[in-house]
Amino acid sequence: MVRAPSHPALADGAHPFPHDHLLGIAALKPWEIAFLLDEAEQWVDLNRAGAAKHDGRLAGLTQINAFFENSTRTLLSFEIAGKRLGADVVNLGVSGSSVKKGETLLDTATTLNAMRPDVIVIRHAASGAVQLISEKVDCPVLNAGDGRHEHPTQALLDALTIRRRKGRIAGLKVAICGDILHSRVARSNFLLLAGQGAEVRAVAPPTLLPESVEALGVTAFTDMDEGLDGADVVMMLRLQTERMAGAYVPSTREYFHFHGLTEARLARAAPDVLVMHPGPMNRGVEIDGAIADDIARSAVTEQVEMGVAVRMACLDVLTRRRRGIAGWA
C-alpha cells in the first residue's frame, strides 16, 4: 500500500517514486528522497523488534547482487536486506564472474537478464556501468556504487542517520572531509544533503578536491580548521589509495597531521557535533580512533544499521510494480 505523502508536492497526485531503477541521487526530486527515507523508518523499528525477518513481502522473488568490485559492508547489507524481505538472494562476486575471463559488460548484462531475476544490485569500478546494465535488463536495478560516479543508498543511509540524530537535515552545517576526488559517497551526499536544505562543505587538500566541486551545491575548503568551524555534522572519508595513480598526499602520517580528525580539530565544530564515516575506517589516517569509538558523538555503527533499513526500503519500493501493488502497477 502506498503510504501517505510526506511532501506537499505529492498532495497534487504525483507518484511518490515513479522510477524503475535507483541509479543515483541526481535524478531524484527532494520529495522522492524524503519518501524513501520515510519508508526506511518503518524498517528500523521492525528490524530492532525482530519482526522484519517474518515480513516476506519479497517471497518468491530473486535478487542478484552482482558485485564486480570488492565489498564487505555494502554486499552484506544488501544480502541481509533481501533475505529479511523473503527474497531468494544470489551473490555474484568479481572473482567468480566471467568478466575475469574477458566477457564484456553487455554480455554480462544479457546473461543476467536471461536468468530472469526480479531485481539486480550492481557494484562496478567503472562510472556509468550500472546505467548501461539497467538499459539491457527487464527488472529494477539498484546502484551499489559505480566508479567515482554515485553510491545512492550510502547517501540515503547517511541522510537517515542525520535525520534521526538531529531531527532534521535542512539548515544543518555538514562538513564532508577527506578524499573527495575519488569518492562516489561524497558526490551522492553532496547532491542529497544540499537538495534537502543543508549547508554542505567539501573539506580536503587541494590535490583531493575535484575541479568545479561548487557546482554540486557545496562550499570548498582546503583548511581543515576552517571547514569544521561550527559544523553540526562531520563526515570523514577514507583515503582511497587503491584509486590513486599518483602522489596525491606526501604520506599518510602527514595527511593525518593536516587533515585527520583529532580532538583539537573537532573542538571547532558545534558542541553537539555528529561524527560519521562510511567505512572502512583507517584509524590514525583520517580519524582518531577515540573519536570513532565515542558513542556520544560517533554514528558509525548506527550508519551500518540504517544501511539495512534503507536497502530494505529501496528493494521493497522498486519491486512493487512487479508485485502488482495497488498504485504501482
C-alpha atoms as a PDB file:
ATOM      1  CA  MET A   1       0.000   0.000   0.000  1.00  0.00           C
ATOM      2  CA  VAL A   2       1.264   3.483  -0.876  1.00  0.00           C
ATOM      3  CA  ARG A   3       1.918   5.491   2.265  1.00  0.00           C
ATOM      4  CA  ALA A   4       0.552   8.993   2.828  1.00  0.00           C
ATOM      5  CA  PRO A   5       2.614  11.695   1.085  1.00  0.00           C
ATOM      6  CA  SER A   6       5.358  13.245   3.250  1.00  0.00           C
ATOM      7  CA  HIS A   7       5.921  16.216   0.959  1.00  0.00           C
ATOM      8  CA  PRO A   8       3.468  18.884  -0.279  1.00  0.00           C
ATOM      9  CA  ALA A   9       4.303  18.071  -3.913  1.00  0.00           C
ATOM     10  CA  LEU A  10       2.764  14.622  -3.512  1.00  0.00           C
ATOM     11  CA  ALA A  11      -0.576  16.051  -2.482  1.00  0.00           C
ATOM     12  CA  ASP A  12      -1.149  17.080  -6.102  1.00  0.00           C
ATOM     13  CA  GLY A  13      -1.278  13.461  -7.194  1.00  0.00           C
ATOM     14  CA  ALA A  14       2.380  12.988  -8.122  1.00  0.00           C
ATOM     15  CA  HIS A  15       3.636   9.423  -7.782  1.00  0.00           C
ATOM     16  CA  PRO A  16       5.864   9.136  -4.694  1.00  0.00           C
ATOM     17  CA  PHE A  17       8.572   7.238  -6.609  1.00  0.00           C
ATOM     18  CA  PRO A  18       7.995   6.906 -10.368  1.00  0.00           C
ATOM     19  CA  HIS A  19      11.440   5.489 -11.203  1.00  0.00           C
ATOM     20  CA  ASP A  20      12.124   1.961 -12.480  1.00  0.00           C
ATOM     21  CA  HIS A  21      15.674   1.946 -11.092  1.00  0.00           C
ATOM     22  CA  LEU A  22      17.777   3.622  -8.418  1.00  0.00           C
ATOM     23  CA  LEU A  23      20.898   4.682 -10.293  1.00  0.00           C
ATOM     24  CA  GLY A  24      21.823   7.859  -8.448  1.00  0.00           C
ATOM     25  CA  ILE A  25      20.654  10.760  -6.318  1.00  0.00           C
ATOM     26  CA  ALA A  26      20.945  13.291  -9.160  1.00  0.00           C
ATOM     27  CA  ALA A  27      17.765  12.029 -10.851  1.00  0.00           C
ATOM     28  CA  LEU A  28      15.621  12.189  -7.702  1.00  0.00           C
ATOM     29  CA  LYS A  29      13.375  15.027  -6.555  1.00  0.00           C
ATOM     30  CA  PRO A  30      13.658  16.156  -2.904  1.00  0.00           C
ATOM     31  CA  TRP A  31      10.256  14.659  -2.061  1.00  0.00           C
ATOM     32  CA  GLU A  32      11.195  11.325  -3.660  1.00  0.00           C
ATOM     33  CA  ILE A  33      14.230  11.186  -1.385  1.00  0.00           C
ATOM     34  CA  ALA A  34      12.062  12.081   1.601  1.00  0.00           C
ATOM     35  CA  PHE A  35       9.662   9.288   0.610  1.00  0.00           C
ATOM     36  CA  LEU A  36      12.460   6.691   0.610  1.00  0.00           C
ATOM     37  CA  LEU A  37      13.692   7.928   3.995  1.00  0.00           C
ATOM     38  CA  ASP A  38      10.160   7.690   5.415  1.00  0.00           C
ATOM     39  CA  GLU A  39       9.820   4.163   4.035  1.00  0.00           C
ATOM     40  CA  ALA A  40      13.119   3.194   5.688  1.00  0.00           C
ATOM     41  CA  GLU A  41      11.944   4.433   9.090  1.00  0.00           C
ATOM     42  CA  GLN A  42       9.490   1.552   9.478  1.00  0.00           C
ATOM     43  CA  TRP A  43      12.250  -0.993   8.828  1.00  0.00           C
ATOM     44  CA  VAL A  44      14.450   0.459  11.566  1.00  0.00           C
ATOM     45  CA  ASP A  45      11.743  -0.283  14.121  1.00  0.00           C
ATOM     46  CA  LEU A  46      10.835  -3.680  12.663  1.00  0.00           C
ATOM     47  CA  ASN A  47      14.486  -4.759  12.488  1.00  0.00           C
ATOM     48  CA  ARG A  48      15.044  -3.815  16.103  1.00  0.00           C
ATOM     49  CA  ALA A  49      11.958  -5.754  17.156  1.00  0.00           C
ATOM     50  CA  GLY A  50      12.976  -8.773  15.077  1.00  0.00           C
ATOM     51  CA  ALA A  51       9.678  -8.598  13.184  1.00  0.00           C
ATOM     52  CA  ALA A  52      11.205  -7.781   9.806  1.00  0.00           C
ATOM     53  CA  LYS A  53      12.520 -11.342   9.456  1.00  0.00           C
ATOM     54  CA  HIS A  54       8.957 -12.573   9.132  1.00  0.00           C
ATOM     55  CA  ASP A  55       7.656  -9.967   6.668  1.00  0.00           C
ATOM     56  CA  GLY A  56       8.141 -11.972   3.469  1.00  0.00           C
ATOM     57  CA  ARG A  57       6.866  -9.382   1.005  1.00  0.00           C
ATOM     58  CA  LEU A  58       9.590 -10.337  -1.499  1.00  0.00           C
ATOM     59  CA  ALA A  59       8.909 -14.067  -1.134  1.00  0.00           C
ATOM     60  CA  GLY A  60       9.247 -15.818  -4.481  1.00  0.00           C
ATOM     61  CA  LEU A  61      11.367 -13.027  -5.973  1.00  0.00           C
ATOM     62  CA  THR A  62      15.011 -13.476  -6.966  1.00  0.00           C
ATOM     63  CA  GLN A  63      17.582 -10.823  -6.086  1.00  0.00           C
ATOM     64  CA  ILE A  64      21.009 -10.938  -7.721  1.00  0.00           C
ATOM     65  CA  ASN A  65      23.820  -8.994  -6.065  1.00  0.00           C
ATOM     66  CA  ALA A  66      26.324  -8.593  -8.903  1.00  0.00           C
ATOM     67  CA  PHE A  67      29.433  -7.090  -7.331  1.00  0.00           C
ATOM     68  CA  PHE A  68      32.224  -6.601  -9.877  1.00  0.00           C
ATOM     69  CA  GLU A  69      34.189  -4.652  -7.285  1.00  0.00           C
ATOM     70  CA  ASN A  70      35.127  -6.000  -3.874  1.00  0.00           C
ATOM     71  CA  SER A  71      32.871  -5.055  -0.985  1.00  0.00           C
ATOM     72  CA  THR A  72      32.085  -6.226   2.514  1.00  0.00           C
ATOM     73  CA  ARG A  73      29.645  -3.815   4.155  1.00  0.00           C
ATOM     74  CA  THR A  74      27.510  -2.981   1.141  1.00  0.00           C
ATOM     75  CA  LEU A  75      27.238  -6.557  -0.119  1.00  0.00           C
ATOM     76  CA  LEU A  76      26.391  -7.940   3.323  1.00  0.00           C
ATOM     77  CA  SER A  77      23.869  -5.162   3.909  1.00  0.00           C
ATOM     78  CA  PHE A  78      22.040  -5.825   0.636  1.00  0.00           C
ATOM     79  CA  GLU A  79      22.088  -9.568   1.289  1.00  0.00           C
ATOM     80  CA  ILE A  80      20.586  -9.158   4.758  1.00  0.00           C
ATOM     81  CA  ALA A  81      18.029  -6.671   3.417  1.00  0.00           C
ATOM     82  CA  GLY A  82      16.855  -9.040   0.693  1.00  0.00           C
ATOM     83  CA  LYS A  83      16.674 -12.072   2.965  1.00  0.00           C
ATOM     84  CA  ARG A  84      14.735 -10.206   5.649  1.00  0.00           C
ATOM     85  CA  LEU A  85      12.166  -9.365   2.998  1.00  0.00           C
ATOM     86  CA  GLY A  86      11.972 -13.023   1.975  1.00  0.00           C
ATOM     87  CA  ALA A  87      13.757 -12.820  -1.397  1.00  0.00           C
ATOM     88  CA  ASP A  88      15.937 -15.581  -2.823  1.00  0.00           C
ATOM     89  CA  VAL A  89      19.321 -13.821  -2.790  1.00  0.00           C
ATOM     90  CA  VAL A  90      22.188 -14.840  -5.075  1.00  0.00           C
ATOM     91  CA  ASN A  91      25.603 -13.197  -4.718  1.00  0.00           C
ATOM     92  CA  LEU A  92      27.890 -12.882  -7.737  1.00  0.00           C
ATOM     93  CA  GLY A  93      31.392 -11.787  -6.732  1.00  0.00           C
ATOM     94  CA  VAL A  94      34.057 -10.368  -9.009  1.00  0.00           C
ATOM     95  CA  SER A  95      36.329 -13.386  -8.532  1.00  0.00           C
ATOM     96  CA  GLY A  96      33.609 -15.719  -9.764  1.00  0.00           C
ATOM     97  CA  SER A  97      32.358 -13.670 -12.682  1.00  0.00           C
ATOM     98  CA  SER A  98      33.088 -14.221 -16.353  1.00  0.00           C
ATOM     99  CA  VAL A  99      34.297 -10.613 -16.565  1.00  0.00           C
ATOM    100  CA  LYS A 100      37.557 -12.011 -15.245  1.00  0.00           C
ATOM    101  CA  LYS A 101      37.639 -14.236 -18.339  1.00  0.00           C
ATOM    102  CA  GLY A 102      37.150 -11.334 -20.740  1.00  0.00           C
ATOM    103  CA  GLU A 103      33.372 -11.183 -21.015  1.00  0.00           C
ATOM    104  CA  THR A 104      32.097  -7.739 -21.967  1.00  0.00           C
ATOM    105  CA  LEU A 105      29.765  -5.744 -19.752  1.00  0.00           C
ATOM    106  CA  LEU A 106      26.973  -6.031 -22.317  1.00  0.00           C
ATOM    107  CA  ASP A 107      27.358  -9.808 -22.467  1.00  0.00           C
ATOM    108  CA  THR A 108      27.205  -9.915 -18.683  1.00  0.00           C
ATOM    109  CA  ALA A 109      24.012  -7.852 -18.716  1.00  0.00           C
ATOM    110  CA  THR A 110      22.464 -10.190 -21.290  1.00  0.00           C
ATOM    111  CA  THR A 111      23.438 -13.218 -19.222  1.00  0.00           C
ATOM    112  CA  LEU A 112      21.982 -11.780 -16.023  1.00  0.00           C
ATOM    113  CA  ASN A 113      18.769 -10.829 -17.805  1.00  0.00           C
ATOM    114  CA  ALA A 114      18.381 -14.349 -19.233  1.00  0.00           C
ATOM    115  CA  MET A 115      18.211 -15.673 -15.668  1.00  0.00           C
ATOM    116  CA  ARG A 116      15.037 -13.574 -15.226  1.00  0.00           C
ATOM    117  CA  PRO A 117      15.818 -12.008 -11.853  1.00  0.00           C
ATOM    118  CA  ASP A 118      13.299  -9.688 -10.217  1.00  0.00           C
ATOM    119  CA  VAL A 119      15.875  -7.137  -9.043  1.00  0.00           C
ATOM    120  CA  ILE A 120      19.615  -6.695  -9.566  1.00  0.00           C
ATOM    121  CA  VAL A 121      22.005  -4.856  -7.263  1.00  0.00           C
ATOM    122  CA  ILE A 122      25.216  -3.846  -9.026  1.00  0.00           C
ATOM    123  CA  ARG A 123      28.589  -2.549  -7.874  1.00  0.00           C
ATOM    124  CA  HIS A 124      31.174  -1.783 -10.561  1.00  0.00           C
ATOM    125  CA  ALA A 125      34.512   0.019 -10.788  1.00  0.00           C
ATOM    126  CA  ALA A 126      33.519   1.884 -13.968  1.00  0.00           C
ATOM    127  CA  SER A 127      31.391   5.013 -13.773  1.00  0.00           C
ATOM    128  CA  GLY A 128      28.236   4.561 -15.830  1.00  0.00           C
ATOM    129  CA  ALA A 129      28.396   0.758 -15.867  1.00  0.00           C
ATOM    130  CA  VAL A 130      25.246   0.399 -13.776  1.00  0.00           C
ATOM    131  CA  GLN A 131      23.328   2.753 -16.071  1.00  0.00           C
ATOM    132  CA  LEU A 132      24.402   0.669 -19.086  1.00  0.00           C
ATOM    133  CA  ILE A 133      23.287  -2.589 -17.498  1.00  0.00           C
ATOM    134  CA  SER A 134      19.940  -1.073 -16.466  1.00  0.00           C
ATOM    135  CA  GLU A 135      19.221  -0.346 -20.128  1.00  0.00           C
ATOM    136  CA  LYS A 136      19.729  -4.009 -21.085  1.00  0.00           C
ATOM    137  CA  VAL A 137      17.705  -5.831 -18.421  1.00  0.00           C
ATOM    138  CA  ASP A 138      13.994  -6.220 -17.749  1.00  0.00           C
ATOM    139  CA  CYS A 139      13.996  -5.685 -13.981  1.00  0.00           C
ATOM    140  CA  PRO A 140      14.794  -2.936 -11.484  1.00  0.00           C
ATOM    141  CA  VAL A 141      18.480  -2.158 -10.948  1.00  0.00           C
ATOM    142  CA  LEU A 142      19.999  -0.628  -7.808  1.00  0.00           C
ATOM    143  CA  ASN A 143      23.355   1.086  -7.937  1.00  0.00           C
ATOM    144  CA  ALA A 144      25.611  -0.143  -5.113  1.00  0.00           C
ATOM    145  CA  GLY A 145      28.440   2.115  -6.277  1.00  0.00           C
ATOM    146  CA  ASP A 146      29.890   2.763  -9.742  1.00  0.00           C
ATOM    147  CA  GLY A 147      33.379   4.176 -10.117  1.00  0.00           C
ATOM    148  CA  ARG A 148      33.612   7.784  -8.961  1.00  0.00           C
ATOM    149  CA  HIS A 149      30.019   8.429 -10.023  1.00  0.00           C
ATOM    150  CA  GLU A 150      27.485   7.689  -7.280  1.00  0.00           C
ATOM    151  CA  HIS A 151      26.576   5.496  -4.316  1.00  0.00           C
ATOM    152  CA  PRO A 152      22.919   6.430  -3.725  1.00  0.00           C
ATOM    153  CA  THR A 153      21.984   4.032  -0.928  1.00  0.00           C
ATOM    154  CA  GLN A 154      25.014   5.163   1.099  1.00  0.00           C
ATOM    155  CA  ALA A 155      23.838   8.770   0.827  1.00  0.00           C
ATOM    156  CA  LEU A 156      20.311   7.730   1.802  1.00  0.00           C
ATOM    157  CA  LEU A 157      21.504   5.858   4.891  1.00  0.00           C
ATOM    158  CA  ASP A 158      23.709   8.791   5.857  1.00  0.00           C
ATOM    159  CA  ALA A 159      20.740  11.139   5.497  1.00  0.00           C
ATOM    160  CA  LEU A 160      18.538   8.830   7.573  1.00  0.00           C
ATOM    161  CA  THR A 161      21.193   8.708  10.290  1.00  0.00           C
ATOM    162  CA  ILE A 162      21.452  12.502  10.368  1.00  0.00           C
ATOM    163  CA  ARG A 163      17.690  12.993  10.356  1.00  0.00           C
ATOM    164  CA  ARG A 164      17.166  10.569  13.239  1.00  0.00           C
ATOM    165  CA  ARG A 165      20.010  12.007  15.314  1.00  0.00           C
ATOM    166  CA  LYS A 166      19.388  15.690  14.574  1.00  0.00           C
ATOM    167  CA  GLY A 167      15.669  15.663  13.845  1.00  0.00           C
ATOM    168  CA  ARG A 168      16.195  17.425  10.518  1.00  0.00           C
ATOM    169  CA  ILE A 169      18.562  17.950   7.605  1.00  0.00           C
ATOM    170  CA  ALA A 170      17.589  21.424   6.442  1.00  0.00           C
ATOM    171  CA  GLY A 171      19.716  24.173   7.948  1.00  0.00           C
ATOM    172  CA  LEU A 172      22.461  21.891   9.269  1.00  0.00           C
ATOM    173  CA  LYS A 173      26.112  22.632   8.538  1.00  0.00           C
ATOM    174  CA  VAL A 174      27.610  19.400   7.179  1.00  0.00           C
ATOM    175  CA  ALA A 175      31.363  19.101   6.552  1.00  0.00           C
ATOM    176  CA  ILE A 176      32.385  16.194   4.321  1.00  0.00           C
ATOM    177  CA  CYS A 177      36.127  15.776   4.659  1.00  0.00           C
ATOM    178  CA  GLY A 178      38.929  13.796   3.056  1.00  0.00           C
ATOM    179  CA  ASP A 179      39.423  12.094  -0.285  1.00  0.00           C
ATOM    180  CA  ILE A 180      36.602  13.819  -2.136  1.00  0.00           C
ATOM    181  CA  LEU A 181      38.234  13.462  -5.549  1.00  0.00           C
ATOM    182  CA  HIS A 182      37.811   9.677  -5.632  1.00  0.00           C
ATOM    183  CA  SER A 183      34.629   9.421  -3.561  1.00  0.00           C
ATOM    184  CA  ARG A 184      31.265   8.473  -5.055  1.00  0.00           C
ATOM    185  CA  VAL A 185      29.930   8.640  -1.477  1.00  0.00           C
ATOM    186  CA  ALA A 186      30.834  12.332  -1.310  1.00  0.00           C
ATOM    187  CA  ARG A 187      29.174  13.083  -4.653  1.00  0.00           C
ATOM    188  CA  SER A 188      25.895  11.397  -3.694  1.00  0.00           C
ATOM    189  CA  ASN A 189      25.906  13.073  -0.283  1.00  0.00           C
ATOM    190  CA  PHE A 190      26.582  16.491  -1.789  1.00  0.00           C
ATOM    191  CA  LEU A 191      23.570  16.127  -4.077  1.00  0.00           C
ATOM    192  CA  LEU A 192      21.246  14.692  -1.433  1.00  0.00           C
ATOM    193  CA  LEU A 193      22.096  16.879   1.559  1.00  0.00           C
ATOM    194  CA  ALA A 194      22.265  20.135  -0.400  1.00  0.00           C
ATOM    195  CA  GLY A 195      18.964  19.226  -2.056  1.00  0.00           C
ATOM    196  CA  GLN A 196      17.422  18.695   1.385  1.00  0.00           C
ATOM    197  CA  GLY A 197      18.482  22.166   2.523  1.00  0.00           C
ATOM    198  CA  ALA A 198      21.752  21.534   4.372  1.00  0.00           C
ATOM    199  CA  GLU A 199      24.768  23.840   4.138  1.00  0.00           C
ATOM    200  CA  VAL A 200      27.344  21.396   2.784  1.00  0.00           C
ATOM    201  CA  ARG A 201      31.117  21.870   2.835  1.00  0.00           C
ATOM    202  CA  ALA A 202      33.776  19.931   0.960  1.00  0.00           C
ATOM    203  CA  VAL A 203      36.976  19.875   3.017  1.00  0.00           C
ATOM    204  CA  ALA A 204      40.146  18.369   1.531  1.00  0.00           C
ATOM    205  CA  PRO A 205      43.728  19.048   0.449  1.00  0.00           C
ATOM    206  CA  PRO A 206      43.859  20.828  -2.943  1.00  0.00           C
ATOM    207  CA  THR A 207      45.037  17.605  -4.605  1.00  0.00           C
ATOM    208  CA  LEU A 208      41.914  15.751  -3.424  1.00  0.00           C
ATOM    209  CA  LEU A 209      39.320  18.377  -4.375  1.00  0.00           C
ATOM    210  CA  PRO A 210      37.657  17.944  -7.781  1.00  0.00           C
ATOM    211  CA  GLU A 211      37.521  20.924 -10.100  1.00  0.00           C
ATOM    212  CA  SER A 212      34.201  22.793 -10.016  1.00  0.00           C
ATOM    213  CA  VAL A 213      33.055  20.925  -6.901  1.00  0.00           C
ATOM    214  CA  GLU A 214      30.992  24.007  -6.034  1.00  0.00           C
ATOM    215  CA  ALA A 215      28.697  23.113  -8.946  1.00  0.00           C
ATOM    216  CA  LEU A 216      27.335  20.324  -6.734  1.00  0.00           C
ATOM    217  CA  GLY A 217      25.970  22.912  -4.291  1.00  0.00           C
ATOM    218  CA  VAL A 218      28.810  22.879  -1.760  1.00  0.00           C
ATOM    219  CA  THR A 219      31.462  25.263  -0.455  1.00  0.00           C
ATOM    220  CA  ALA A 220      35.078  24.109  -0.760  1.00  0.00           C
ATOM    221  CA  PHE A 221      37.705  24.418   1.988  1.00  0.00           C
ATOM    222  CA  THR A 222      41.340  23.337   1.913  1.00  0.00           C
ATOM    223  CA  ASP A 223      41.964  24.303   5.544  1.00  0.00           C
ATOM    224  CA  MET A 224      40.535  21.661   7.890  1.00  0.00           C
ATOM    225  CA  ASP A 225      40.059  24.021  10.825  1.00  0.00           C
ATOM    226  CA  GLU A 226      38.090  26.498   8.737  1.00  0.00           C
ATOM    227  CA  GLY A 227      35.984  23.761   7.208  1.00  0.00           C
ATOM    228  CA  LEU A 228      34.978  22.345  10.591  1.00  0.00           C
ATOM    229  CA  ASP A 229      34.132  25.684  12.178  1.00  0.00           C
ATOM    230  CA  GLY A 230      30.605  25.429  13.619  1.00  0.00           C
ATOM    231  CA  ALA A 231      29.805  22.184  11.783  1.00  0.00           C
ATOM    232  CA  ASP A 232      26.795  20.216  13.062  1.00  0.00           C
ATOM    233  CA  VAL A 233      27.886  17.060  11.237  1.00  0.00           C
ATOM    234  CA  VAL A 234      31.406  15.971  10.298  1.00  0.00           C
ATOM    235  CA  MET A 235      31.631  13.111   7.814  1.00  0.00           C
ATOM    236  CA  MET A 236      35.125  11.711   7.268  1.00  0.00           C
ATOM    237  CA  LEU A 237      36.019   9.830   4.090  1.00  0.00           C
ATOM    238  CA  ARG A 238      38.524   7.039   3.586  1.00  0.00           C
ATOM    239  CA  LEU A 239      41.764   7.830   1.787  1.00  0.00           C
ATOM    240  CA  GLN A 240      41.258   5.652  -1.312  1.00  0.00           C
ATOM    241  CA  THR A 241      44.844   4.743  -2.078  1.00  0.00           C
ATOM    242  CA  GLU A 242      43.701   1.946  -4.431  1.00  0.00           C
ATOM    243  CA  ARG A 243      42.271   4.582  -6.802  1.00  0.00           C
ATOM    244  CA  MET A 244      45.332   6.828  -6.718  1.00  0.00           C
ATOM    245  CA  ALA A 245      47.696   6.552  -9.661  1.00  0.00           C
ATOM    246  CA  GLY A 246      49.942   9.386  -8.443  1.00  0.00           C
ATOM    247  CA  ALA A 247      51.199  11.040  -5.270  1.00  0.00           C
ATOM    248  CA  TYR A 248      48.121  12.865  -4.027  1.00  0.00           C
ATOM    249  CA  VAL A 249      49.444  13.125  -0.461  1.00  0.00           C
ATOM    250  CA  PRO A 250      53.087  13.073   0.725  1.00  0.00           C
ATOM    251  CA  SER A 251      52.378  10.366   3.335  1.00  0.00           C
ATOM    252  CA  THR A 252      49.523   9.079   5.462  1.00  0.00           C
ATOM    253  CA  ARG A 253      51.271  10.466   8.530  1.00  0.00           C
ATOM    254  CA  GLU A 254      51.385  13.981   7.052  1.00  0.00           C
ATOM    255  CA  TYR A 255      47.805  13.608   5.821  1.00  0.00           C
ATOM    256  CA  PHE A 256      46.596  12.891   9.353  1.00  0.00           C
ATOM    257  CA  HIS A 257      48.624  15.794  10.704  1.00  0.00           C
ATOM    258  CA  PHE A 258      46.919  18.307   8.413  1.00  0.00           C
ATOM    259  CA  HIS A 259      43.573  16.742   7.548  1.00  0.00           C
ATOM    260  CA  GLY A 260      42.857  13.994  10.083  1.00  0.00           C
ATOM    261  CA  LEU A 261      40.024  14.371  12.572  1.00  0.00           C
ATOM    262  CA  THR A 262      41.524  14.966  16.016  1.00  0.00           C
ATOM    263  CA  GLU A 263      40.021  16.151  19.303  1.00  0.00           C
ATOM    264  CA  ALA A 264      41.574  19.574  18.819  1.00  0.00           C
ATOM    265  CA  ARG A 265      40.022  19.979  15.378  1.00  0.00           C
ATOM    266  CA  LEU A 266      36.661  18.610  16.432  1.00  0.00           C
ATOM    267  CA  ALA A 267      36.514  21.250  19.170  1.00  0.00           C
ATOM    268  CA  ARG A 268      35.952  23.832  16.421  1.00  0.00           C
ATOM    269  CA  ALA A 269      32.675  22.155  15.430  1.00  0.00           C
ATOM    270  CA  ALA A 270      29.326  22.599  17.187  1.00  0.00           C
ATOM    271  CA  PRO A 271      29.215  21.296  20.794  1.00  0.00           C
ATOM    272  CA  ASP A 272      26.731  18.577  19.827  1.00  0.00           C
ATOM    273  CA  VAL A 273      28.549  17.605  16.621  1.00  0.00           C
ATOM    274  CA  LEU A 274      27.722  14.270  14.992  1.00  0.00           C
ATOM    275  CA  VAL A 275      30.694  12.332  13.600  1.00  0.00           C
ATOM    276  CA  MET A 276      30.202   9.949  10.677  1.00  0.00           C
ATOM    277  CA  HIS A 277      32.273   7.687   8.439  1.00  0.00           C
ATOM    278  CA  PRO A 278      31.019   5.390   5.634  1.00  0.00           C
ATOM    279  CA  GLY A 279      33.756   2.835   6.359  1.00  0.00           C
ATOM    280  CA  PRO A 280      36.029   1.098   6.286  1.00  0.00           C
ATOM    281  CA  MET A 281      37.958   3.415   8.582  1.00  0.00           C
ATOM    282  CA  ASN A 282      41.696   3.936   8.585  1.00  0.00           C
ATOM    283  CA  ARG A 283      42.295   4.864  12.193  1.00  0.00           C
ATOM    284  CA  GLY A 284      45.102   7.304  12.607  1.00  0.00           C
ATOM    285  CA  VAL A 285      44.908   8.290   8.931  1.00  0.00           C
ATOM    286  CA  GLU A 286      41.582  10.092   8.534  1.00  0.00           C
ATOM    287  CA  ILE A 287      40.171   9.823  12.057  1.00  0.00           C
ATOM    288  CA  ASP A 288      41.418   9.374  15.606  1.00  0.00           C
ATOM    289  CA  GLY A 289      40.268   6.026  16.970  1.00  0.00           C
ATOM    290  CA  ALA A 290      38.991   7.529  20.218  1.00  0.00           C
ATOM    291  CA  ILE A 291      36.610   9.789  18.288  1.00  0.00           C
ATOM    292  CA  ALA A 292      35.347   6.920  16.157  1.00  0.00           C
ATOM    293  CA  ASP A 293      34.558   4.903  19.285  1.00  0.00           C
ATOM    294  CA  ASP A 294      32.862   7.743  21.201  1.00  0.00           C
ATOM    295  CA  ILE A 295      29.212   6.655  21.119  1.00  0.00           C
ATOM    296  CA  ALA A 296      28.056  10.081  22.311  1.00  0.00           C
ATOM    297  CA  ARG A 297      29.344  11.714  19.119  1.00  0.00           C
ATOM    298  CA  SER A 298      30.021   8.942  16.627  1.00  0.00           C
ATOM    299  CA  ALA A 299      27.259   7.405  14.495  1.00  0.00           C
ATOM    300  CA  VAL A 300      29.483   4.933  12.655  1.00  0.00           C
ATOM    301  CA  THR A 301      27.713   1.781  13.862  1.00  0.00           C
ATOM    302  CA  GLU A 302      24.320   3.437  13.523  1.00  0.00           C
ATOM    303  CA  GLN A 303      25.113   4.118   9.861  1.00  0.00           C
ATOM    304  CA  VAL A 304      25.561   0.379   9.340  1.00  0.00           C
ATOM    305  CA  GLU A 305      22.181  -0.297  10.962  1.00  0.00           C
ATOM    306  CA  MET A 306      20.458   2.381   8.880  1.00  0.00           C
ATOM    307  CA  GLY A 307      22.014   0.826   5.765  1.00  0.00           C
ATOM    308  CA  VAL A 308      19.986  -2.358   6.150  1.00  0.00           C
ATOM    309  CA  ALA A 309      16.748  -0.402   6.672  1.00  0.00           C
ATOM    310  CA  VAL A 310      17.366   1.880   3.683  1.00  0.00           C
ATOM    311  CA  ARG A 311      18.184  -1.029   1.393  1.00  0.00           C
ATOM    312  CA  MET A 312      15.085  -2.898   2.520  1.00  0.00           C
ATOM    313  CA  ALA A 313      13.021   0.174   1.665  1.00  0.00           C
ATOM    314  CA  CYS A 314      14.631   0.517  -1.771  1.00  0.00           C
ATOM    315  CA  LEU A 315      14.163  -3.167  -2.609  1.00  0.00           C
ATOM    316  CA  ASP A 316      10.537  -3.006  -1.491  1.00  0.00           C
ATOM    317  CA  VAL A 317       9.701   0.185  -3.410  1.00  0.00           C
ATOM    318  CA  LEU A 318      11.411  -0.832  -6.657  1.00  0.00           C
ATOM    319  CA  THR A 319       9.695  -4.231  -6.788  1.00  0.00           C
ATOM    320  CA  ARG A 320       6.170  -3.018  -6.039  1.00  0.00           C
ATOM    321  CA  ARG A 321       5.224  -2.779  -9.709  1.00  0.00           C
ATOM    322  CA  ARG A 322       6.370  -6.353 -10.310  1.00  0.00           C
ATOM    323  CA  ARG A 323       4.340  -7.479  -7.303  1.00  0.00           C
ATOM    324  CA  GLY A 324       1.218  -5.709  -8.579  1.00  0.00           C
ATOM    325  CA  ILE A 325       0.864  -3.401  -5.584  1.00  0.00           C
ATOM    326  CA  ALA A 326      -2.066  -1.029  -5.975  1.00  0.00           C
ATOM    327  CA  GLY A 327      -0.936   2.383  -7.162  1.00  0.00           C
ATOM    328  CA  TRP A 328       2.325   0.997  -8.575  1.00  0.00           C
ATOM    329  CA  ALA A 329       1.277  -1.435 -11.292  1.00  0.00           C
END
